[in-house]
């Protein structure tokens, strides 16, 4: 799950034309948390956080962590 998850979130977010701010609001996570996950400052985000982000992007958690 390490730093690949941040890259994957960013890739899917950009594909869906979502800004970090819009995704953070949609997912109910703080903007700071999202940016730290995407830039791999947070290497192991909480499962709940990943679940919120996945749901906001209409994908499964599996798609994010594989």
PDB file of N, CA and C in Angstrom:
ATOM      1  N   UNK A   1       0.833  -1.207   0.000  1.00  0.00           N
ATOM      2  CA  UNK A   1       0.000   0.000   0.000  1.00  0.00           C
ATOM      3  C   UNK A   1       0.872   1.263   0.000  1.00  0.00           C
ATOM      4  N   UNK A   2       2.064   1.172   0.456  1.00  0.00           N
ATOM      5  CA  UNK A   2       2.967   2.313   0.639  1.00  0.00           C
ATOM      6  C   UNK A   2       2.742   3.526  -0.268  1.00  0.00           C
ATOM      7  N   UNK A   3       3.778   3.990  -0.949  1.00  0.00           N
ATOM      8  CA  UNK A   3       3.642   5.235  -1.698  1.00  0.00           C
ATOM      9  C   UNK A   3       2.950   5.085  -3.046  1.00  0.00           C
ATOM     10  N   UNK A   4       2.669   3.879  -3.467  1.00  0.00           N
ATOM     11  CA  UNK A   4       1.947   3.710  -4.727  1.00  0.00           C
ATOM     12  C   UNK A   4       0.520   4.214  -4.610  1.00  0.00           C
ATOM     13  N   UNK A   5      -0.048   4.115  -3.422  1.00  0.00           N
ATOM     14  CA  UNK A   5      -1.441   4.517  -3.245  1.00  0.00           C
ATOM     15  C   UNK A   5      -1.646   6.001  -3.544  1.00  0.00           C
ATOM     16  N   UNK A   6      -0.705   6.822  -3.123  1.00  0.00           N
ATOM     17  CA  UNK A   6      -0.802   8.256  -3.393  1.00  0.00           C
ATOM     18  C   UNK A   6      -0.767   8.552  -4.877  1.00  0.00           C
ATOM     19  N   UNK A   7       0.134   7.865  -5.576  1.00  0.00           N
ATOM     20  CA  UNK A   7       0.239   8.058  -7.027  1.00  0.00           C
ATOM     21  C   UNK A   7      -1.034   7.614  -7.729  1.00  0.00           C
ATOM     22  N   UNK A   8      -1.595   6.504  -7.254  1.00  0.00           N
ATOM     23  CA  UNK A   8      -2.825   5.979  -7.858  1.00  0.00           C
ATOM     24  C   UNK A   8      -3.995   6.939  -7.637  1.00  0.00           C
ATOM     25  N   UNK A   9      -4.104   7.457  -6.424  1.00  0.00           N
ATOM     26  CA  UNK A   9      -5.178   8.410  -6.115  1.00  0.00           C
ATOM     27  C   UNK A   9      -5.055   9.619  -7.029  1.00  0.00           C
ATOM     28  N   UNK A  10      -3.843  10.139  -7.148  1.00  0.00           N
ATOM     29  CA  UNK A  10      -3.619  11.316  -7.994  1.00  0.00           C
ATOM     30  C   UNK A  10      -3.980  11.038  -9.447  1.00  0.00           C
ATOM     31  N   UNK A  11      -3.552   9.887  -9.951  1.00  0.00           N
ATOM     32  CA  UNK A  11      -3.816   9.513 -11.339  1.00  0.00           C
ATOM     33  C   UNK A  11      -5.331   9.434 -11.606  1.00  0.00           C
ATOM     34  N   UNK A  12      -6.049   8.753 -10.724  1.00  0.00           N
ATOM     35  CA  UNK A  12      -7.499   8.607 -10.900  1.00  0.00           C
ATOM     36  C   UNK A  12      -8.200   9.951 -10.717  1.00  0.00           C
ATOM     37  N   UNK A  13      -7.740  10.724  -9.743  1.00  0.00           N
ATOM     38  CA  UNK A  13      -8.331  12.050  -9.492  1.00  0.00           C
ATOM     39  C   UNK A  13      -8.197  12.927 -10.726  1.00  0.00           C
ATOM     40  N   UNK A  14      -7.018  12.931 -11.330  1.00  0.00           N
ATOM     41  CA  UNK A  14      -6.787  13.773 -12.502  1.00  0.00           C
ATOM     42  C   UNK A  14      -7.579  13.272 -13.710  1.00  0.00           C
ATOM     43  N   UNK A  15      -7.693  11.948 -13.830  1.00  0.00           N
ATOM     44  CA  UNK A  15      -8.478  11.360 -14.916  1.00  0.00           C
ATOM     45  C   UNK A  15      -9.951  11.792 -14.804  1.00  0.00           C
ATOM     46  N   UNK A  16     -10.403  11.956 -13.561  1.00  0.00           N
ATOM     47  CA  UNK A  16     -11.796  12.368 -13.315  1.00  0.00           C
ATOM     48  C   UNK A  16     -11.950  13.893 -13.250  1.00  0.00           C
ATOM     49  N   UNK A  17     -10.902  14.617 -13.622  1.00  0.00           N
ATOM     50  CA  UNK A  17     -10.916  16.082 -13.597  1.00  0.00           C
ATOM     51  C   UNK A  17     -11.331  16.660 -12.247  1.00  0.00           C
ATOM     52  N   UNK A  18     -10.817  16.057 -11.182  1.00  0.00           N
ATOM     53  CA  UNK A  18     -11.099  16.556  -9.843  1.00  0.00           C
ATOM     54  C   UNK A  18      -9.860  17.265  -9.307  1.00  0.00           C
ATOM     55  N   UNK A  19     -10.065  18.417  -8.690  1.00  0.00           N
ATOM     56  CA  UNK A  19      -8.940  19.070  -8.014  1.00  0.00           C
ATOM     57  C   UNK A  19      -8.763  18.365  -6.670  1.00  0.00           C
ATOM     58  N   UNK A  20      -7.627  18.588  -6.042  1.00  0.00           N
ATOM     59  CA  UNK A  20      -7.411  18.002  -4.712  1.00  0.00           C
ATOM     60  C   UNK A  20      -8.482  18.513  -3.753  1.00  0.00           C
ATOM     61  N   UNK A  21      -8.795  19.791  -3.871  1.00  0.00           N
ATOM     62  CA  UNK A  21      -9.787  20.389  -2.979  1.00  0.00           C
ATOM     63  C   UNK A  21     -11.165  19.753  -3.169  1.00  0.00           C
ATOM     64  N   UNK A  22     -11.583  19.579  -4.424  1.00  0.00           N
ATOM     65  CA  UNK A  22     -12.898  18.978  -4.699  1.00  0.00           C
ATOM     66  C   UNK A  22     -12.970  17.546  -4.196  1.00  0.00           C
ATOM     67  N   UNK A  23     -11.897  16.780  -4.420  1.00  0.00           N
ATOM     68  CA  UNK A  23     -11.891  15.394  -3.954  1.00  0.00           C
ATOM     69  C   UNK A  23     -11.918  15.334  -2.429  1.00  0.00           C
ATOM     70  N   UNK A  24     -11.148  16.191  -1.791  1.00  0.00           N
ATOM     71  CA  UNK A  24     -11.111  16.210  -0.325  1.00  0.00           C
ATOM     72  C   UNK A  24     -12.504  16.489   0.243  1.00  0.00           C
ATOM     73  N   UNK A  25     -13.190  17.469  -0.333  1.00  0.00           N
ATOM     74  CA  UNK A  25     -14.546  17.816   0.124  1.00  0.00           C
ATOM     75  C   UNK A  25     -15.494  16.643  -0.126  1.00  0.00           C
ATOM     76  N   UNK A  26     -15.442  16.100  -1.323  1.00  0.00           N
ATOM     77  CA  UNK A  26     -16.312  14.984  -1.704  1.00  0.00           C
ATOM     78  C   UNK A  26     -16.083  13.759  -0.812  1.00  0.00           C
ATOM     79  N   UNK A  27     -14.821  13.522  -0.460  1.00  0.00           N
ATOM     80  CA  UNK A  27     -14.469  12.351   0.352  1.00  0.00           C
ATOM     81  C   UNK A  27     -14.649  12.598   1.849  1.00  0.00           C
ATOM     82  N   UNK A  28     -14.766  13.865   2.230  1.00  0.00           N
ATOM     83  CA  UNK A  28     -14.888  14.177   3.648  1.00  0.00           C
ATOM     84  C   UNK A  28     -13.575  14.011   4.398  1.00  0.00           C
ATOM     85  N   UNK A  29     -12.469  14.246   3.697  1.00  0.00           N
ATOM     86  CA  UNK A  29     -11.159  14.221   4.348  1.00  0.00           C
ATOM     87  C   UNK A  29     -10.544  15.614   4.197  1.00  0.00           C
ATOM     88  N   UNK A  30      -9.610  15.948   5.066  1.00  0.00           N
ATOM     89  CA  UNK A  30      -9.032  17.288   4.963  1.00  0.00           C
ATOM     90  C   UNK A  30      -8.138  17.390   3.728  1.00  0.00           C
ATOM     91  N   UNK A  31      -8.095  18.577   3.184  1.00  0.00           N
ATOM     92  CA  UNK A  31      -7.274  18.871   2.010  1.00  0.00           C
ATOM     93  C   UNK A  31      -5.816  18.519   2.303  1.00  0.00           C
ATOM     94  N   UNK A  32      -5.372  18.882   3.493  1.00  0.00           N
ATOM     95  CA  UNK A  32      -3.986  18.616   3.904  1.00  0.00           C
ATOM     96  C   UNK A  32      -3.687  17.121   3.897  1.00  0.00           C
ATOM     97  N   UNK A  33      -4.610  16.338   4.432  1.00  0.00           N
ATOM     98  CA  UNK A  33      -4.432  14.884   4.460  1.00  0.00           C
ATOM     99  C   UNK A  33      -4.311  14.341   3.048  1.00  0.00           C
ATOM    100  N   UNK A  34      -5.205  14.770   2.163  1.00  0.00           N
ATOM    101  CA  UNK A  34      -5.181  14.293   0.782  1.00  0.00           C
ATOM    102  C   UNK A  34      -3.863  14.647   0.093  1.00  0.00           C
ATOM    103  N   UNK A  35      -3.409  15.885   0.258  1.00  0.00           N
ATOM    104  CA  UNK A  35      -2.162  16.287  -0.401  1.00  0.00           C
ATOM    105  C   UNK A  35      -0.976  15.495   0.165  1.00  0.00           C
ATOM    106  N   UNK A  36      -1.002  15.226   1.465  1.00  0.00           N
ATOM    107  CA  UNK A  36       0.090  14.451   2.078  1.00  0.00           C
ATOM    108  C   UNK A  36       0.090  13.004   1.593  1.00  0.00           C
ATOM    109  N   UNK A  37      -1.100  12.437   1.378  1.00  0.00           N
ATOM    110  CA  UNK A  37      -1.183  11.068   0.857  1.00  0.00           C
ATOM    111  C   UNK A  37      -0.655  11.044  -0.576  1.00  0.00           C
ATOM    112  N   UNK A  38      -1.109  11.990  -1.390  1.00  0.00           N
ATOM    113  CA  UNK A  38      -0.687  12.030  -2.796  1.00  0.00           C
ATOM    114  C   UNK A  38       0.814  12.255  -2.940  1.00  0.00           C
ATOM    115  N   UNK A  39       1.401  13.024  -2.053  1.00  0.00           N
ATOM    116  CA  UNK A  39       2.833  13.310  -2.161  1.00  0.00           C
ATOM    117  C   UNK A  39       3.684  12.348  -1.320  1.00  0.00           C
ATOM    118  N   UNK A  40       3.040  11.308  -0.802  1.00  0.00           N
ATOM    119  CA  UNK A  40       3.711  10.251  -0.024  1.00  0.00           C
ATOM    120  C   UNK A  40       4.335  10.725   1.284  1.00  0.00           C
ATOM    121  N   UNK A  41       3.853  11.851   1.798  1.00  0.00           N
ATOM    122  CA  UNK A  41       4.275  12.264   3.146  1.00  0.00           C
ATOM    123  C   UNK A  41       3.629  11.286   4.127  1.00  0.00           C
ATOM    124  N   UNK A  42       2.348  10.978   3.869  1.00  0.00           N
ATOM    125  CA  UNK A  42       1.659   9.929   4.619  1.00  0.00           C
ATOM    126  C   UNK A  42       1.764   8.681   3.747  1.00  0.00           C
ATOM    127  N   UNK A  43       2.571   7.732   4.188  1.00  0.00           N
ATOM    128  CA  UNK A  43       2.808   6.535   3.381  1.00  0.00           C
ATOM    129  C   UNK A  43       1.781   5.435   3.646  1.00  0.00           C
ATOM    130  N   UNK A  44       1.232   5.411   4.845  1.00  0.00           N
ATOM    131  CA  UNK A  44       0.246   4.387   5.190  1.00  0.00           C
ATOM    132  C   UNK A  44      -1.017   5.051   5.749  1.00  0.00           C
ATOM    133  N   UNK A  45      -1.857   5.563   4.844  1.00  0.00           N
ATOM    134  CA  UNK A  45      -3.083   6.215   5.319  1.00  0.00           C
ATOM    135  C   UNK A  45      -4.044   5.222   5.971  1.00  0.00           C
ATOM    136  N   UNK A  46      -4.871   5.729   6.852  1.00  0.00           N
ATOM    137  CA  UNK A  46      -5.853   4.879   7.538  1.00  0.00           C
ATOM    138  C   UNK A  46      -6.810   4.264   6.524  1.00  0.00           C
ATOM    139  N   UNK A  47      -7.237   3.046   6.818  1.00  0.00           N
ATOM    140  CA  UNK A  47      -8.165   2.345   5.932  1.00  0.00           C
ATOM    141  C   UNK A  47      -9.443   3.159   5.738  1.00  0.00           C
ATOM    142  N   UNK A  48      -9.927   3.795   6.806  1.00  0.00           N
ATOM    143  CA  UNK A  48     -11.139   4.609   6.707  1.00  0.00           C
ATOM    144  C   UNK A  48     -10.947   5.748   5.707  1.00  0.00           C
ATOM    145  N   UNK A  49      -9.773   6.346   5.721  1.00  0.00           N
ATOM    146  CA  UNK A  49      -9.467   7.447   4.800  1.00  0.00           C
ATOM    147  C   UNK A  49      -9.459   6.945   3.362  1.00  0.00           C
ATOM    148  N   UNK A  50      -8.817   5.814   3.143  1.00  0.00           N
ATOM    149  CA  UNK A  50      -8.767   5.215   1.804  1.00  0.00           C
ATOM    150  C   UNK A  50     -10.178   4.875   1.333  1.00  0.00           C
ATOM    151  N   UNK A  51     -10.985   4.340   2.234  1.00  0.00           N
ATOM    152  CA  UNK A  51     -12.368   3.974   1.892  1.00  0.00           C
ATOM    153  C   UNK A  51     -13.155   5.207   1.457  1.00  0.00           C
ATOM    154  N   UNK A  52     -12.997   6.309   2.176  1.00  0.00           N
ATOM    155  CA  UNK A  52     -13.699   7.556   1.831  1.00  0.00           C
ATOM    156  C   UNK A  52     -13.269   8.077   0.464  1.00  0.00           C
ATOM    157  N   UNK A  53     -11.963   8.047   0.221  1.00  0.00           N
ATOM    158  CA  UNK A  53     -11.431   8.544  -1.056  1.00  0.00           C
ATOM    159  C   UNK A  53     -11.912   7.658  -2.206  1.00  0.00           C
ATOM    160  N   UNK A  54     -11.851   6.340  -2.006  1.00  0.00           N
ATOM    161  CA  UNK A  54     -12.304   5.403  -3.044  1.00  0.00           C
ATOM    162  C   UNK A  54     -13.785   5.638  -3.358  1.00  0.00           C
ATOM    163  N   UNK A  55     -14.596   5.779  -2.313  1.00  0.00           N
ATOM    164  CA  UNK A  55     -16.036   5.992  -2.498  1.00  0.00           C
ATOM    165  C   UNK A  55     -16.297   7.293  -3.255  1.00  0.00           C
ATOM    166  N   UNK A  56     -15.563   8.326  -2.916  1.00  0.00           N
ATOM    167  CA  UNK A  56     -15.736   9.631  -3.572  1.00  0.00           C
ATOM    168  C   UNK A  56     -15.372   9.565  -5.053  1.00  0.00           C
ATOM    169  N   UNK A  57     -14.473   8.650  -5.413  1.00  0.00           N
ATOM    170  CA  UNK A  57     -14.061   8.510  -6.812  1.00  0.00           C
ATOM    171  C   UNK A  57     -14.804   7.377  -7.518  1.00  0.00           C
ATOM    172  N   UNK A  58     -15.801   6.796  -6.831  1.00  0.00           N
ATOM    173  CA  UNK A  58     -16.611   5.704  -7.375  1.00  0.00           C
ATOM    174  C   UNK A  58     -15.794   4.491  -7.809  1.00  0.00           C
ATOM    175  N   UNK A  59     -14.813   4.140  -6.981  1.00  0.00           N
ATOM    176  CA  UNK A  59     -14.024   2.941  -7.244  1.00  0.00           C
ATOM    177  C   UNK A  59     -13.950   2.119  -5.963  1.00  0.00           C
ATOM    178  N   UNK A  60     -13.550   0.869  -6.090  1.00  0.00           N
ATOM    179  CA  UNK A  60     -13.426   0.025  -4.902  1.00  0.00           C
ATOM    180  C   UNK A  60     -12.065   0.267  -4.234  1.00  0.00           C
ATOM    181  N   UNK A  61     -12.010  -0.070  -2.971  1.00  0.00           N
ATOM    182  CA  UNK A  61     -10.744   0.043  -2.235  1.00  0.00           C
ATOM    183  C   UNK A  61      -9.703  -0.842  -2.916  1.00  0.00           C
ATOM    184  N   UNK A  62     -10.134  -2.017  -3.370  1.00  0.00           N
ATOM    185  CA  UNK A  62      -9.227  -2.938  -4.070  1.00  0.00           C
ATOM    186  C   UNK A  62      -8.529  -2.284  -5.251  1.00  0.00           C
ATOM    187  N   UNK A  63      -9.270  -1.479  -6.011  1.00  0.00           N
ATOM    188  CA  UNK A  63      -8.684  -0.803  -7.166  1.00  0.00           C
ATOM    189  C   UNK A  63      -7.562   0.141  -6.741  1.00  0.00           C
ATOM    190  N   UNK A  64      -7.702   0.712  -5.566  1.00  0.00           N
ATOM    191  CA  UNK A  64      -6.680   1.646  -5.086  1.00  0.00           C
ATOM    192  C   UNK A  64      -5.460   0.939  -4.533  1.00  0.00           C
ATOM    193  N   UNK A  65      -5.655  -0.171  -3.849  1.00  0.00           N
ATOM    194  CA  UNK A  65      -4.518  -0.794  -3.181  1.00  0.00           C
ATOM    195  C   UNK A  65      -3.814  -1.861  -4.009  1.00  0.00           C
ATOM    196  N   UNK A  66      -4.364  -2.200  -5.171  1.00  0.00           N
ATOM    197  CA  UNK A  66      -3.700  -3.199  -6.026  1.00  0.00           C
ATOM    198  C   UNK A  66      -2.882  -2.531  -7.093  1.00  0.00           C
TER     199      UNK A  66
END
